[in-house]
Amino acid sequence: MLKRTLIGLMRSHEVTGEKAKDPALKTRYYKISKDQLWEEIVTLLKKLPKYTVLHEVKNVGEIVVTKKTMTGRTQDITLTLFAINPVKSAVDIYSASRGSLGDLGSNYRTILELFKMFDQKLARYKMDSR
């Protein structure tokens, strides 16, 4: 975690992906259709008090939310959902803090928090990887 805080002194964004070096930031896969994944994630996000859903573009699989941090900064978070096949879907997250200074790792922690909530809600559908 110290490394993430040090990286966060300079960087004010974090992103997940297929090739992420940090295993915690790897794309999440679920054994459900993209439409079903969309419904589950949008429903969950709308129930979270710290998050505000701004845009939902279902046909491209994009959900944009904001989150207020403890320090009062705003994080802009884009979730991208995509279908691997009719019964397998995935989600990636990009989180960036507004402002010029680094985020002290808060975007990293936000992504971990979201993935943890998704993994709990969708536990029966979670897959280890592709």
Protein backbone atom coordinates (compact mmCIF):
# COMPACT_ATOMS: atom_id res chain seq x y z
CA MET A 1 0.00 0.00 0.00
CA LEU A 2 2.92 2.36 0.66
CA LYS A 3 4.04 1.92 -2.95
CA ARG A 4 0.55 2.89 -4.14
CA THR A 5 0.59 6.00 -1.93
CA LEU A 6 4.00 7.00 -3.30
CA ILE A 7 2.84 6.44 -6.90
CA GLY A 8 -0.24 8.47 -5.98
CA LEU A 9 1.89 11.50 -5.09
CA MET A 10 2.47 11.99 -8.80
CA ARG A 11 -0.41 10.21 -10.49
CA SER A 12 -4.08 11.07 -10.16
CA HIS A 13 -5.64 8.19 -12.09
CA GLU A 14 -5.78 4.40 -12.15
CA VAL A 15 -7.01 1.92 -14.72
CA THR A 16 -7.75 -1.79 -14.89
CA GLY A 17 -7.07 -4.03 -17.82
CA GLU A 18 -6.12 -7.36 -19.27
CA LYS A 19 -2.39 -6.63 -19.00
CA ALA A 20 -2.35 -4.90 -15.59
CA LYS A 21 0.84 -5.67 -13.65
CA ASP A 22 -1.04 -5.58 -10.34
CA PRO A 23 -3.32 -8.65 -10.13
CA ALA A 24 -5.89 -6.56 -8.21
CA LEU A 25 -6.28 -4.36 -11.30
CA LYS A 26 -6.92 -7.13 -13.81
CA THR A 27 -10.16 -7.15 -15.81
CA ARG A 28 -12.99 -8.93 -14.00
CA TYR A 29 -14.88 -11.69 -15.81
CA TYR A 30 -18.34 -13.03 -15.03
CA LYS A 31 -20.29 -15.96 -16.44
CA ILE A 32 -23.43 -13.95 -17.27
CA SER A 33 -24.64 -11.97 -20.29
CA LYS A 34 -23.58 -8.35 -20.70
CA ASP A 35 -27.21 -7.22 -20.24
CA GLN A 36 -27.48 -9.11 -16.95
CA LEU A 37 -24.10 -7.75 -15.78
CA TRP A 38 -25.24 -4.24 -16.73
CA GLU A 39 -28.43 -4.52 -14.67
CA GLU A 40 -26.57 -5.89 -11.62
CA ILE A 41 -23.86 -3.20 -11.68
CA VAL A 42 -26.15 -0.23 -12.40
CA THR A 43 -28.54 -1.35 -9.63
CA LEU A 44 -25.65 -1.67 -7.18
CA LEU A 45 -24.08 1.69 -8.09
CA LYS A 46 -27.39 3.53 -7.64
CA LYS A 47 -27.63 2.18 -4.08
CA LEU A 48 -24.17 3.37 -3.02
CA PRO A 49 -24.33 6.64 -1.08
CA LYS A 50 -20.87 7.96 -2.08
CA TYR A 51 -21.41 7.38 -5.80
CA THR A 52 -23.52 9.33 -8.31
CA VAL A 53 -24.39 7.76 -11.67
CA LEU A 54 -24.05 10.49 -14.34
CA HIS A 55 -24.39 8.64 -17.65
CA GLU A 56 -25.44 5.19 -18.80
CA VAL A 57 -24.75 4.28 -22.41
CA LYS A 58 -25.89 0.68 -22.57
CA ASN A 59 -25.21 0.06 -26.28
CA VAL A 60 -21.49 0.85 -25.80
CA GLY A 61 -21.39 -0.61 -22.29
CA GLU A 62 -20.28 2.54 -20.53
CA ILE A 63 -21.33 3.80 -17.09
CA VAL A 64 -19.93 7.09 -15.78
CA VAL A 65 -20.11 7.84 -12.07
CA THR A 66 -18.56 10.32 -9.67
CA LYS A 67 -17.47 9.78 -6.11
CA LYS A 68 -16.58 12.30 -3.42
CA THR A 69 -13.46 11.34 -1.46
CA MET A 70 -12.88 11.99 2.24
CA THR A 71 -10.70 14.97 1.31
CA GLY A 72 -13.54 16.49 -0.71
CA ARG A 73 -12.04 15.79 -4.13
CA THR A 74 -14.17 14.35 -6.90
CA GLN A 75 -13.28 11.18 -8.73
CA ASP A 76 -14.60 10.57 -12.23
CA ILE A 77 -15.05 6.84 -12.77
CA THR A 78 -15.83 5.13 -16.06
CA LEU A 79 -16.90 1.50 -16.03
CA THR A 80 -16.76 -0.36 -19.32
CA LEU A 81 -18.76 -3.58 -19.63
CA PHE A 82 -18.25 -5.83 -22.60
CA ALA A 83 -19.51 -9.16 -23.84
CA ILE A 84 -16.93 -11.86 -24.45
CA ASN A 85 -19.62 -14.18 -25.77
CA PRO A 86 -23.40 -14.51 -25.12
CA VAL A 87 -22.86 -15.96 -21.62
CA LYS A 88 -19.59 -14.33 -20.53
CA SER A 89 -18.91 -10.67 -19.79
CA ALA A 90 -16.19 -8.48 -18.37
CA VAL A 91 -15.76 -5.12 -16.66
CA ASP A 92 -12.89 -2.64 -16.59
CA ILE A 93 -12.67 0.59 -14.59
CA TYR A 94 -10.89 3.90 -15.17
CA SER A 95 -10.83 6.28 -12.20
CA ALA A 96 -9.33 9.79 -12.19
CA SER A 97 -9.26 12.53 -9.58
CA ARG A 98 -10.03 16.12 -10.46
CA GLY A 99 -7.30 18.59 -9.58
CA SER A 100 -3.60 18.87 -10.24
CA LEU A 101 -2.01 16.96 -7.37
CA GLY A 102 -1.70 13.20 -7.05
CA ASP A 103 -4.43 11.15 -5.40
CA LEU A 104 -2.33 9.33 -2.73
CA GLY A 105 -3.69 6.05 -4.05
CA SER A 106 -7.37 6.89 -3.65
CA ASN A 107 -8.27 5.90 -7.24
CA TYR A 108 -6.57 2.54 -6.67
CA ARG A 109 -8.58 2.04 -3.47
CA THR A 110 -11.81 3.08 -5.21
CA ILE A 111 -11.27 0.48 -7.95
CA LEU A 112 -10.53 -2.21 -5.34
CA GLU A 113 -13.67 -1.19 -3.44
CA LEU A 114 -15.84 -1.42 -6.57
CA PHE A 115 -14.36 -4.76 -7.66
CA LYS A 116 -14.88 -6.15 -4.16
CA MET A 117 -18.55 -5.10 -4.21
CA PHE A 118 -19.05 -6.53 -7.72
CA ASP A 119 -17.32 -9.79 -6.76
CA GLN A 120 -19.52 -10.15 -3.66
CA LYS A 121 -22.75 -9.35 -5.48
CA LEU A 122 -21.84 -11.55 -8.46
CA ALA A 123 -19.90 -14.25 -6.58
CA ARG A 124 -21.75 -17.12 -8.20
CA TYR A 125 -20.84 -15.78 -11.67
CA LYS A 126 -17.21 -14.76 -11.03
CA MET A 127 -14.52 -16.32 -13.16
CA ASP A 128 -10.80 -16.34 -12.40
CA SER A 129 -9.76 -15.06 -15.81
CA ARG A 130 -10.44 -15.53 -19.51
